[in-house]
Amino acid sequence: MKARASDPVFVEVAWSRLISVVEQEAQALLRTAFTNIVRESGDLSAGVFDLKGRMVAQAITGTPGHINSMALAVRHVLRAVPPDTIAPGDVLATNDPWLASGHLNDITVVTPVFHRARLVGYTASTCHAMDIGGRGITVDALDCYEEGFLIPPCRIFAGGRPQQVLELLAANVRVPEAVMGDVHAQVSGNAVGAHRLTEMLEEFGLEDIEDLAAAILDRSEAGMRAAIVEIPDGRYRGEMRLDGFEEPIVIRTSVIVTGDALTVDYAGSSPASKRAINVVLNYTKAYTTYGVKCVVAPHVPNNAGSFRPVTITAPEGSLLNAVRPAPVASRHLIGLFLPDAVMGALAPAVPGRVIAESSSCLWTLDVRGRDRSGHHFKEFIATGGGMGARHDKDGLSATQFPSTIRGVPAEIVESTSPIVIHRRALAPDSGGPGRFRGGLGMVIEFGMETDEDWLFTASFERARIPAQGLFGGGPGAPGSVETAGGRRLEAKAQHWMRPDERVVIHTPGGGGYGPPAERDPERVAADIAAGRVSKG
């Protein structure tokens, strides 16, 4: 096998097949998932791992927060459940925020793959659970124990038999059918990936993927190092300000490039918060790595090899390296801005590869209550804002960057929940001015078909401090949330709504790139004609 793994043609063919294997795993998960957030939005990840727990390949479908934290989580799971104790039919899982993707609502499922009675690797997935008990995804919890049900690394199936932890999970969530349906979809998707992987081994005449994995990871590492070398050596600094909770938050970024290695250090950033906006180091690494890849080497496969030349540090106890039992439910409010932080620091070195600050928007329709039939409902629907402008193009509008999850069509939302979408449109004048304009945010007006009061949870960033422009570009518009009657709602709070009330959300826009005076007049006229900006 070693000889075949040194053949670049064989490695390329096998690599393409691995991508097919893991994408089929992800598609099986998507097609069997119960909830819109997984099935329609794609808030998931899927990957193939070698015997050392290193991610070799990831599905095209998925979010960086799930993919890159899953890449770290599998080894944590295998430390708790030693491989020499694993048998066919075992399935492992955890949602421990410090071992996986940073909050309890994300469940990582790991399936051992056996070929000819030998353990040869793992398939894994991470999905957002619709509910996990506790307070839910709010900023209100004072520690992680209030936030829901924690599953330590354990077997959820042993020898093909479901374990009691699944009953405990179902007993601790508000919508057990949806939550358990998605967990079983993860198990099914992983099984499809495992089956396709063993088919590949048979077809290629391989005993395992160890030598192939080593060749793939080494090739990815070499590609990443070659890309880093193109950036001039130096220390590049950036600073970003966010709303935070009681006072603004500061993220200070230092990117150190030395030869073919790169370090991102967050020393000097704000300390951990008493509210649930803290970020664990796994999640900090996940979105920082994504930011580095976007700027430095988007063409290099994203796996354990491409991570090797990049070191990411944050002071223990800080906002970006919170320690247990800090509350972390709304960690995405901060973590999603880390790609912007990396780009802001590297802008002087590679101005053509970065974008202005984005809204980094994940403004969600997070609601629960009872519908007119008396059934309990819980929905979590993602909406998008504006991306920052590029050096040669306007920013994308109504986009969930950097999470990459998709919006759900209004028809699907309304057919699967009591939510009624009364309005959804681009928000004029929300993109930051510049030579190239920032992407636009959205206006979403929604209500509920219910005869009872219902709970709307707002966990939003950039409602006070907008996305900043780059190289003379102007800031985007901040977001806001209110009722259709004009009553202002706090951006980080839970709100009880009357049955007939509607919520109106204005998601924030992205920053502009370059001086506004340099914008092509034809682009200005086109924006005015399309209603993207007003004449004033």
Protein backbone atom coordinates (compact mmCIF):
# COMPACT_ATOMS: atom_id res chain seq x y z
CA MET A 1 0.00 0.00 0.00
CA LYS A 2 2.85 2.39 0.76
CA ALA A 3 3.99 2.17 -2.85
CA ARG A 4 0.49 2.97 -4.10
CA ALA A 5 0.18 5.87 -1.64
CA SER A 6 3.32 7.38 -3.19
CA ASP A 7 1.70 7.32 -6.64
CA PRO A 8 0.18 10.80 -7.14
CA VAL A 9 -2.31 9.49 -9.72
CA PHE A 10 -3.62 6.85 -7.32
CA VAL A 11 -3.82 9.35 -4.47
CA GLU A 12 -5.81 11.77 -6.63
CA VAL A 13 -8.25 9.06 -7.72
CA ALA A 14 -8.64 7.77 -4.15
CA TRP A 15 -9.07 11.32 -2.86
CA SER A 16 -11.91 11.97 -5.28
CA ARG A 17 -13.55 8.75 -4.16
CA LEU A 18 -13.22 9.75 -0.49
CA ILE A 19 -14.99 13.03 -1.23
CA SER A 20 -17.78 11.04 -2.86
CA VAL A 21 -17.98 8.75 0.18
CA VAL A 22 -18.31 11.59 2.67
CA GLU A 23 -20.68 13.62 0.51
CA GLN A 24 -23.00 10.60 0.28
CA GLU A 25 -22.82 10.42 4.07
CA ALA A 26 -23.90 14.06 4.32
CA GLN A 27 -26.68 13.70 1.75
CA ALA A 28 -28.10 10.65 3.54
CA LEU A 29 -28.16 12.70 6.73
CA LEU A 30 -29.87 15.61 5.01
CA ARG A 31 -32.52 13.41 3.42
CA THR A 32 -33.45 11.67 6.68
CA ALA A 33 -33.27 14.69 9.03
CA PHE A 34 -36.46 15.83 10.74
CA THR A 35 -35.81 19.55 11.26
CA ASN A 36 -35.54 22.53 8.93
CA ILE A 37 -32.32 23.72 10.54
CA VAL A 38 -30.60 20.50 9.41
CA ARG A 39 -32.59 19.36 6.37
CA GLU A 40 -33.09 22.76 4.71
CA SER A 41 -30.37 24.98 6.18
CA GLY A 42 -27.59 22.38 6.24
CA ASP A 43 -26.45 23.20 9.79
CA LEU A 44 -24.26 20.11 9.96
CA SER A 45 -20.93 18.52 9.13
CA ALA A 46 -19.78 15.11 7.96
CA GLY A 47 -16.31 13.64 7.73
CA VAL A 48 -14.10 10.57 7.40
CA PHE A 49 -11.36 10.00 9.99
CA ASP A 50 -8.38 7.66 10.20
CA LEU A 51 -7.55 5.41 13.14
CA LYS A 52 -5.77 8.26 14.92
CA GLY A 53 -8.95 10.36 14.81
CA ARG A 54 -7.56 12.75 12.19
CA MET A 55 -10.04 14.22 9.72
CA VAL A 56 -9.02 13.08 6.26
CA ALA A 57 -11.95 14.38 4.20
CA GLN A 58 -15.06 16.48 4.81
CA ALA A 59 -18.33 16.79 2.95
CA ILE A 60 -18.90 19.84 0.78
CA THR A 61 -22.13 20.36 2.72
CA GLY A 62 -21.70 21.84 6.19
CA THR A 63 -20.63 24.78 8.33
CA PRO A 64 -17.04 25.67 9.32
CA GLY A 65 -18.05 25.79 12.99
CA HIS A 66 -19.22 22.21 12.84
CA ILE A 67 -16.61 20.86 10.42
CA ASN A 68 -13.50 22.27 12.05
CA SER A 69 -14.64 21.63 15.62
CA MET A 70 -15.66 18.06 14.68
CA ALA A 71 -12.09 17.65 13.39
CA LEU A 72 -10.94 18.25 16.98
CA ALA A 73 -13.83 16.45 18.71
CA VAL A 74 -13.25 12.93 17.39
CA ARG A 75 -9.90 12.59 19.15
CA HIS A 76 -11.51 13.80 22.40
CA VAL A 77 -14.19 11.12 22.04
CA LEU A 78 -11.60 8.40 21.38
CA ARG A 79 -9.65 9.38 24.48
CA ALA A 80 -12.79 8.80 26.55
CA VAL A 81 -13.84 5.62 24.72
CA PRO A 82 -10.61 3.75 23.89
CA PRO A 83 -10.57 2.17 20.42
CA ASP A 84 -9.51 -1.23 21.83
CA THR A 85 -12.90 -1.41 23.61
CA ILE A 86 -14.94 -0.64 20.48
CA ALA A 87 -16.94 -3.40 18.76
CA PRO A 88 -19.00 -3.56 15.55
CA GLY A 89 -22.37 -1.85 16.03
CA ASP A 90 -21.04 0.70 18.52
CA VAL A 91 -21.89 4.35 17.93
CA LEU A 92 -20.36 7.12 20.06
CA ALA A 93 -21.53 10.66 20.77
CA THR A 94 -21.01 13.81 22.80
CA ASN A 95 -22.24 17.39 22.97
CA ASP A 96 -19.77 18.55 25.62
CA PRO A 97 -19.08 22.18 24.56
CA TRP A 98 -15.38 21.99 25.49
CA LEU A 99 -14.81 18.78 23.54
CA ALA A 100 -17.00 19.46 20.53
CA SER A 101 -18.48 22.56 18.89
CA GLY A 102 -18.88 24.97 21.76
CA HIS A 103 -22.48 24.67 22.95
CA LEU A 104 -24.84 21.90 24.02
CA ASN A 105 -27.15 22.19 21.01
CA ASP A 106 -24.55 20.60 18.71
CA ILE A 107 -24.34 16.82 18.96
CA THR A 108 -21.34 15.01 17.46
CA VAL A 109 -21.92 11.36 16.50
CA VAL A 110 -18.93 9.09 15.74
CA THR A 111 -19.34 5.70 14.05
CA PRO A 112 -16.46 3.18 14.01
CA VAL A 113 -15.92 1.56 10.60
CA PHE A 114 -15.04 -2.14 10.46
CA HIS A 115 -13.67 -3.92 7.39
CA ARG A 116 -13.01 -7.66 7.44
CA ALA A 117 -13.54 -7.63 11.22
CA ARG A 118 -10.89 -4.91 11.72
CA LEU A 119 -11.42 -1.33 12.86
CA VAL A 120 -10.23 0.82 9.93
CA GLY A 121 -11.46 4.35 10.71
CA TYR A 122 -14.47 6.45 11.63
CA THR A 123 -17.27 8.44 10.08
CA ALA A 124 -18.62 11.37 12.05
CA SER A 125 -21.18 14.16 11.88
CA THR A 126 -22.22 17.15 13.93
CA CYS A 127 -25.74 18.59 13.80
CA HIS A 128 -27.58 21.38 15.54
CA ALA A 129 -30.25 19.88 17.81
CA MET A 130 -33.53 21.80 17.74
CA ASP A 131 -33.66 21.71 21.53
CA ILE A 132 -31.42 20.46 24.32
CA GLY A 133 -33.49 21.40 27.36
CA GLY A 134 -32.49 24.07 29.85
CA ARG A 135 -32.83 27.73 28.92
CA GLY A 136 -32.14 27.19 25.23
CA ILE A 137 -29.96 29.40 23.06
CA THR A 138 -30.12 32.61 25.06
CA VAL A 139 -27.60 34.88 26.75
CA ASP A 140 -29.34 34.50 30.11
CA ALA A 141 -27.67 31.46 31.66
CA LEU A 142 -25.07 32.12 34.33
CA ASP A 143 -23.27 28.79 33.85
CA CYS A 144 -23.37 25.87 31.43
CA TYR A 145 -25.41 23.76 33.84
CA GLU A 146 -28.43 25.94 33.16
CA GLU A 147 -28.12 25.53 29.40
CA GLY A 148 -29.40 22.00 28.92
CA PHE A 149 -28.56 18.30 28.82
CA LEU A 150 -24.86 17.39 28.53
CA ILE A 151 -23.86 14.07 26.96
CA PRO A 152 -20.31 13.09 27.94
CA PRO A 153 -18.42 10.99 25.37
CA CYS A 154 -20.22 7.64 25.49
CA ARG A 155 -21.87 4.89 23.47
CA ILE A 156 -25.36 5.71 22.26
CA PHE A 157 -25.44 2.28 20.56
CA ALA A 158 -23.51 -0.76 21.80
CA GLY A 159 -23.36 -3.73 19.47
CA GLY A 160 -26.28 -2.23 17.55
CA ARG A 161 -28.45 -1.84 20.67
CA PRO A 162 -29.64 1.66 21.70
CA GLN A 163 -28.38 2.76 25.10
CA GLN A 164 -30.29 4.47 27.92
CA VAL A 165 -28.60 7.81 27.25
CA LEU A 166 -30.97 8.17 24.28
CA GLU A 167 -33.97 7.82 26.61
CA LEU A 168 -32.44 10.40 28.95
CA LEU A 169 -31.94 12.80 26.05
CA ALA A 170 -35.54 12.37 24.84
CA ALA A 171 -36.82 12.98 28.39
CA ASN A 172 -34.94 16.27 28.70
CA VAL A 173 -35.97 18.10 25.51
CA ARG A 174 -39.15 19.94 24.57
CA VAL A 175 -39.52 18.38 21.10
CA PRO A 176 -38.23 14.81 21.45
CA GLU A 177 -39.49 13.64 18.06
CA ALA A 178 -37.50 16.33 16.23
CA VAL A 179 -34.36 15.92 18.34
CA MET A 180 -34.31 12.13 18.29
CA GLY A 181 -35.22 12.09 14.60
CA ASP A 182 -32.13 14.14 13.79
CA VAL A 183 -29.89 12.00 16.03
CA HIS A 184 -31.07 8.85 14.24
CA ALA A 185 -30.50 10.65 10.92
CA GLN A 186 -26.89 11.24 12.01
CA VAL A 187 -26.52 7.55 12.87
CA SER A 188 -27.99 6.62 9.48
CA GLY A 189 -25.81 9.07 7.58
CA ASN A 190 -22.68 7.81 9.33
CA ALA A 191 -23.70 4.23 8.47
CA VAL A 192 -23.99 5.16 4.81
CA GLY A 193 -20.54 6.73 4.92
CA ALA A 194 -19.12 3.63 6.64
CA HIS A 195 -20.68 1.35 4.03
CA ARG A 196 -19.35 3.44 1.14
CA LEU A 197 -15.89 3.50 2.74
CA THR A 198 -15.75 -0.30 3.00
CA GLU A 199 -16.94 -0.53 -0.60
CA MET A 200 -14.05 1.72 -1.59
CA LEU A 201 -11.56 -0.45 0.31
CA GLU A 202 -12.84 -3.57 -1.44
CA GLU A 203 -12.80 -1.97 -4.87
CA PHE A 204 -9.31 -0.50 -4.45
CA GLY A 205 -7.92 -3.62 -2.77
CA LEU A 206 -6.96 -1.78 0.42
CA GLU A 207 -6.81 -3.19 3.94
CA ASP A 208 -7.34 0.24 5.50
CA ILE A 209 -6.89 3.94 4.72
CA GLU A 210 -3.87 4.63 6.94
CA ASP A 211 -1.18 5.02 4.24
CA LEU A 212 -3.62 6.82 1.93
CA ALA A 213 -4.64 9.16 4.76
CA ALA A 214 -0.99 9.93 5.55
CA ALA A 215 -0.33 10.80 1.89
CA ILE A 216 -3.42 13.03 1.68
CA LEU A 217 -2.66 14.85 4.92
CA ASP A 218 0.99 15.38 3.97
CA ARG A 219 -0.07 16.77 0.60
CA SER A 220 -2.52 19.18 2.25
CA GLU A 221 0.11 20.30 4.73
CA ALA A 222 2.58 20.97 1.92
CA GLY A 223 -0.01 22.99 0.02
CA MET A 224 -0.82 25.08 3.07
CA ARG A 225 2.84 25.75 3.85
CA ALA A 226 3.53 26.77 0.26
CA ALA A 227 0.66 29.27 0.44
CA ILE A 228 1.82 30.73 3.77
CA VAL A 229 5.31 31.33 2.37
CA GLU A 230 3.78 33.74 -0.17
CA ILE A 231 2.78 36.13 2.65
CA PRO A 232 5.62 38.39 3.83
CA ASP A 233 6.98 37.49 7.25
CA GLY A 234 5.78 39.77 10.01
CA ARG A 235 3.31 40.41 12.79
CA TYR A 236 -0.03 41.79 11.60
CA ARG A 237 -2.48 43.23 14.09
CA GLY A 238 -6.18 43.98 14.02
CA GLU A 239 -8.92 45.09 16.38
CA MET A 240 -12.67 44.61 16.17
CA ARG A 241 -15.45 45.95 18.38
CA LEU A 242 -18.79 44.21 18.95
CA ASP A 243 -21.95 45.05 20.91
CA GLY A 244 -21.36 42.46 23.62
CA PHE A 245 -23.90 42.51 26.42
CA GLU A 246 -23.52 45.15 29.11
CA GLU A 247 -20.55 46.82 27.40
CA PRO A 248 -18.77 46.52 24.04
CA ILE A 249 -16.42 43.63 23.36
CA VAL A 250 -12.97 43.96 21.85
CA ILE A 251 -11.31 41.22 19.80
CA ARG A 252 -7.59 41.88 19.33
CA THR A 253 -5.89 39.73 16.74
CA SER A 254 -2.22 39.21 16.11
CA VAL A 255 -1.23 37.13 13.08
CA ILE A 256 2.43 36.11 13.02
CA VAL A 257 3.83 34.78 9.76
CA THR A 258 7.23 33.07 9.97
CA GLY A 259 8.33 31.22 6.86
CA ASP A 260 5.83 28.44 6.20
CA ALA A 261 4.04 28.66 9.57
CA LEU A 262 1.35 31.00 10.83
CA THR A 263 0.12 31.78 14.34
CA VAL A 264 -3.06 33.61 15.33
CA ASP A 265 -3.02 34.98 18.88
CA TYR A 266 -5.97 36.68 20.60
CA ALA A 267 -4.11 38.06 23.60
CA GLY A 268 -5.62 41.36 24.73
CA SER A 269 -9.18 40.42 23.79
CA SER A 270 -12.01 40.93 26.25
CA PRO A 271 -12.26 38.67 29.29
CA ALA A 272 -14.96 36.03 29.62
CA SER A 273 -18.47 37.35 30.11
CA LYS A 274 -20.97 36.54 32.84
CA ARG A 275 -23.48 36.00 30.04
CA ALA A 276 -23.71 33.12 27.58
CA ILE A 277 -21.68 34.68 24.76
CA ASN A 278 -18.42 32.96 25.70
CA VAL A 279 -16.46 30.89 23.18
CA VAL A 280 -14.58 27.67 23.95
CA LEU A 281 -11.17 27.16 22.35
CA ASN A 282 -12.44 24.44 19.97
CA TYR A 283 -14.91 26.89 18.40
CA THR A 284 -12.33 29.69 18.36
CA LYS A 285 -10.00 27.37 16.45
CA ALA A 286 -12.77 26.28 14.09
CA TYR A 287 -13.68 29.74 12.81
CA THR A 288 -10.14 31.10 12.99
CA THR A 289 -8.92 28.24 10.83
CA TYR A 290 -11.71 28.98 8.38
CA GLY A 291 -10.66 32.64 8.20
CA VAL A 292 -7.04 31.67 7.57
CA LYS A 293 -8.06 29.22 4.84
CA CYS A 294 -10.23 31.82 3.09
CA VAL A 295 -7.34 34.27 2.88
CA VAL A 296 -4.28 32.08 2.59
CA ALA A 297 -5.20 28.87 0.78
CA PRO A 298 -8.85 28.37 -0.20
CA HIS A 299 -7.72 25.82 -2.81
CA VAL A 300 -6.10 23.44 -0.29
CA PRO A 301 -8.34 20.62 1.03
CA ASN A 302 -9.62 21.27 4.55
CA ASN A 303 -8.36 18.44 6.75
CA ALA A 304 -5.99 17.66 9.60
CA GLY A 305 -2.99 18.17 7.29
CA SER A 306 -3.94 21.73 6.34
CA PHE A 307 -4.29 22.57 10.05
CA ARG A 308 -0.72 21.56 10.93
CA PRO A 309 1.08 24.79 9.94
CA VAL A 310 -1.44 26.98 11.82
CA THR A 311 -1.32 27.60 15.57
CA ILE A 312 -4.20 29.37 17.35
CA THR A 313 -3.98 30.67 20.91
CA ALA A 314 -6.17 32.67 23.26
CA PRO A 315 -5.57 33.37 26.95
CA GLU A 316 -7.31 30.87 29.21
CA GLY A 317 -10.32 32.48 30.87
CA SER A 318 -10.74 35.04 28.11
CA LEU A 319 -13.86 35.47 25.97
CA LEU A 320 -12.29 33.26 23.27
CA ASN A 321 -11.03 30.53 25.60
CA ALA A 322 -13.72 30.27 28.25
CA VAL A 323 -13.26 27.66 30.96
CA ARG A 324 -15.88 25.35 32.41
CA PRO A 325 -18.54 26.07 33.68
CA ALA A 326 -18.85 29.38 31.77
CA PRO A 327 -22.17 29.86 29.94
CA VAL A 328 -21.66 29.32 26.21
CA ALA A 329 -25.09 28.80 24.59
CA SER A 330 -24.81 31.85 22.31
CA ARG A 331 -21.11 31.41 21.50
CA HIS A 332 -21.85 31.96 17.80
CA LEU A 333 -22.60 35.63 18.51
CA ILE A 334 -18.85 36.13 18.95
CA GLY A 335 -17.27 33.15 17.20
CA LEU A 336 -18.75 33.96 13.81
CA PHE A 337 -16.75 37.21 13.72
CA LEU A 338 -13.34 35.51 13.93
CA PRO A 339 -12.87 35.19 10.14
CA ASP A 340 -13.42 38.96 9.96
CA ALA A 341 -10.86 39.43 12.74
CA VAL A 342 -8.28 37.39 10.80
CA MET A 343 -8.98 39.25 7.55
CA GLY A 344 -8.79 42.62 9.25
CA ALA A 345 -5.35 41.81 10.60
CA LEU A 346 -4.05 40.44 7.28
CA ALA A 347 -5.52 43.22 5.12
CA PRO A 348 -2.25 45.23 4.88
CA ALA A 349 -0.36 42.14 3.73
CA VAL A 350 -2.85 40.77 1.18
CA PRO A 351 -5.40 43.52 0.44
CA GLY A 352 -6.77 41.78 -2.66
CA ARG A 353 -7.66 38.61 -0.74
CA VAL A 354 -9.72 40.04 2.11
CA ILE A 355 -13.15 41.61 2.45
CA ALA A 356 -14.49 44.40 4.61
CA GLU A 357 -16.22 43.43 7.84
CA SER A 358 -19.41 41.42 7.38
CA SER A 359 -22.54 41.40 9.48
CA SER A 360 -21.46 37.78 10.23
CA CYS A 361 -25.16 37.35 10.52
CA LEU A 362 -27.05 34.54 12.18
CA TRP A 363 -30.18 36.40 13.23
CA THR A 364 -32.58 33.56 13.94
CA LEU A 365 -36.33 33.18 14.25
CA ASP A 366 -36.08 31.27 17.54
CA VAL A 367 -39.60 30.70 18.84
CA ARG A 368 -41.58 28.31 20.97
CA GLY A 369 -45.12 27.97 22.28
CA ARG A 370 -48.33 26.08 21.47
CA ASP A 371 -50.14 26.10 18.15
CA ARG A 372 -53.92 26.25 17.72
CA SER A 373 -54.16 22.48 18.07
CA GLY A 374 -52.50 22.70 21.48
CA HIS A 375 -49.28 21.05 20.30
CA HIS A 376 -45.97 22.37 21.59
CA PHE A 377 -43.75 23.84 18.88
CA LYS A 378 -40.11 24.89 18.79
CA GLU A 379 -38.52 26.41 15.68
CA PHE A 380 -35.09 27.81 14.91
CA ILE A 381 -34.84 29.40 11.45
CA ALA A 382 -31.69 31.20 10.28
CA THR A 383 -31.72 34.51 8.40
CA GLY A 384 -28.88 36.36 6.70
CA GLY A 385 -27.26 39.77 6.57
CA GLY A 386 -24.72 41.55 4.37
CA MET A 387 -21.20 40.39 3.66
CA GLY A 388 -18.36 42.85 3.45
CA ALA A 389 -17.42 44.24 0.04
CA ARG A 390 -14.51 42.72 -1.87
CA HIS A 391 -11.64 44.55 -3.52
CA ASP A 392 -13.32 44.23 -6.92
CA LYS A 393 -16.99 43.38 -6.21
CA ASP A 394 -19.88 44.40 -4.00
CA GLY A 395 -20.60 42.31 -0.93
CA LEU A 396 -23.14 39.52 -1.10
CA SER A 397 -26.55 40.30 0.37
CA ALA A 398 -28.75 38.28 2.74
CA THR A 399 -26.06 35.69 3.31
CA GLN A 400 -25.26 33.63 6.41
CA PHE A 401 -21.50 34.21 6.17
CA PRO A 402 -19.36 32.69 7.58
CA SER A 403 -21.63 29.87 8.78
CA THR A 404 -22.62 29.11 5.14
CA ILE A 405 -25.97 27.66 6.23
CA ARG A 406 -28.88 28.28 3.91
CA GLY A 407 -32.07 30.23 4.46
CA VAL A 408 -35.32 28.26 4.49
CA PRO A 409 -38.00 29.15 1.91
CA ALA A 410 -41.08 30.79 3.46
CA GLU A 411 -43.29 28.05 2.00
CA ILE A 412 -41.39 25.37 3.91
CA VAL A 413 -41.33 27.38 7.14
CA GLU A 414 -45.08 27.89 6.99
CA SER A 415 -45.85 24.28 6.07
CA THR A 416 -43.81 22.81 8.94
CA SER A 417 -44.51 25.28 11.75
CA PRO A 418 -47.04 27.87 12.97
CA ILE A 419 -44.73 30.67 11.76
CA VAL A 420 -46.20 33.00 9.14
CA ILE A 421 -43.71 35.05 7.09
CA HIS A 422 -45.50 38.30 6.21
CA ARG A 423 -42.53 40.02 4.61
CA ARG A 424 -39.00 39.13 3.57
CA ALA A 425 -37.01 41.59 1.46
CA LEU A 426 -33.61 43.23 1.09
CA ALA A 427 -33.10 46.23 3.38
CA PRO A 428 -32.33 49.37 1.30
CA ASP A 429 -29.33 51.49 2.36
CA SER A 430 -28.03 48.80 4.72
CA GLY A 431 -24.80 48.07 2.80
CA GLY A 432 -21.79 50.21 3.66
CA PRO A 433 -20.80 52.76 0.97
CA GLY A 434 -17.51 52.39 -0.85
CA ARG A 435 -15.82 51.90 -4.18
CA PHE A 436 -17.57 48.58 -3.77
CA ARG A 437 -20.70 48.49 -1.63
CA GLY A 438 -21.26 46.22 1.32
CA GLY A 439 -23.92 43.53 1.04
CA LEU A 440 -27.47 44.35 2.12
CA GLY A 441 -29.24 43.02 5.15
CA MET A 442 -32.84 41.81 5.20
CA VAL A 443 -36.21 42.86 6.58
CA ILE A 444 -38.24 39.94 7.91
CA GLU A 445 -41.70 40.34 9.41
CA PHE A 446 -43.26 37.27 10.94
CA GLY A 447 -46.04 36.23 13.28
CA MET A 448 -47.52 33.07 14.72
CA GLU A 449 -50.71 31.08 14.17
CA THR A 450 -51.56 30.55 17.82
CA ASP A 451 -54.16 31.52 20.39
CA GLU A 452 -51.63 31.74 23.23
CA ASP A 453 -48.69 33.98 24.07
CA TRP A 454 -45.47 32.74 22.49
CA LEU A 455 -41.80 33.17 23.31
CA PHE A 456 -39.36 34.83 20.93
CA THR A 457 -35.68 34.61 21.83
CA ALA A 458 -33.47 37.36 20.41
CA SER A 459 -29.73 36.59 20.39
CA PHE A 460 -28.36 39.15 17.95
CA GLU A 461 -25.06 40.96 17.36
CA ARG A 462 -24.33 44.18 15.46
CA ALA A 463 -27.43 45.94 16.73
CA ARG A 464 -25.29 48.86 18.02
CA ILE A 465 -21.81 48.63 16.48
CA PRO A 466 -22.05 48.06 12.71
CA ALA A 467 -19.70 46.22 10.37
CA GLN A 468 -16.78 48.52 9.52
CA GLY A 469 -15.54 49.34 6.04
CA LEU A 470 -12.03 48.72 4.74
CA PHE A 471 -9.52 51.07 3.06
CA GLY A 472 -11.87 54.07 3.25
CA GLY A 473 -15.15 52.19 2.88
CA GLY A 474 -18.08 53.14 5.12
CA PRO A 475 -19.80 51.00 7.76
CA GLY A 476 -22.91 48.97 7.06
CA ALA A 477 -26.16 49.69 8.87
CA PRO A 478 -26.64 48.05 12.29
CA GLY A 479 -29.53 45.67 12.78
CA SER A 480 -32.65 46.15 14.87
CA VAL A 481 -35.68 44.25 16.12
CA GLU A 482 -39.13 45.57 16.98
CA THR A 483 -42.80 44.72 16.78
CA ALA A 484 -44.90 45.63 13.77
CA GLY A 485 -46.52 48.20 16.04
CA GLY A 486 -43.17 49.92 16.60
CA ARG A 487 -42.30 48.58 20.08
CA ARG A 488 -38.53 48.23 20.29
CA LEU A 489 -37.24 44.84 21.41
CA GLU A 490 -33.87 44.19 23.01
CA ALA A 491 -31.42 42.40 20.72
CA LYS A 492 -30.29 39.97 23.42
CA ALA A 493 -33.34 38.96 25.45
CA GLN A 494 -36.38 36.69 25.58
CA HIS A 495 -39.68 38.34 24.71
CA TRP A 496 -43.20 37.11 25.38
CA MET A 497 -45.38 38.03 22.43
CA ARG A 498 -49.17 38.24 22.24
CA PRO A 499 -50.86 35.80 19.79
CA ASP A 500 -51.57 38.54 17.23
CA GLU A 501 -48.19 40.35 17.48
CA ARG A 502 -45.64 40.35 14.70
CA VAL A 503 -41.87 40.72 14.98
CA VAL A 504 -39.90 42.81 12.47
CA ILE A 505 -36.19 42.08 12.15
CA HIS A 506 -33.75 44.29 10.24
CA THR A 507 -30.53 42.32 9.81
CA PRO A 508 -27.27 44.33 9.57
CA GLY A 509 -25.37 45.13 6.38
CA GLY A 510 -21.72 44.63 5.43
CA GLY A 511 -18.96 47.23 5.28
CA GLY A 512 -17.81 48.94 2.09
CA TYR A 513 -14.40 48.62 0.43
CA GLY A 514 -12.51 51.70 -0.77
CA PRO A 515 -13.56 55.39 -0.83
CA PRO A 516 -17.24 55.94 -1.80
CA ALA A 517 -16.21 58.81 -4.11
CA GLU A 518 -14.47 56.25 -6.33
CA ARG A 519 -17.61 54.22 -7.00
CA ASP A 520 -18.53 53.81 -10.65
CA PRO A 521 -21.52 56.13 -11.37
CA GLU A 522 -23.14 53.36 -13.39
CA ARG A 523 -23.13 51.15 -10.29
CA VAL A 524 -24.72 53.95 -8.27
CA ALA A 525 -27.46 54.37 -10.88
CA ALA A 526 -28.07 50.62 -10.98
CA ASP A 527 -28.38 50.49 -7.18
CA ILE A 528 -30.89 53.34 -7.17
CA ALA A 529 -32.91 51.79 -9.99
CA ALA A 530 -33.05 48.44 -8.16
CA GLY A 531 -33.99 50.07 -4.84
CA ARG A 532 -30.81 48.91 -3.13
CA VAL A 533 -29.98 52.49 -2.14
CA SER A 534 -32.11 55.62 -1.95
CA LYS A 535 -31.51 58.73 -4.06
CA GLY A 536 -30.64 60.73 -0.99
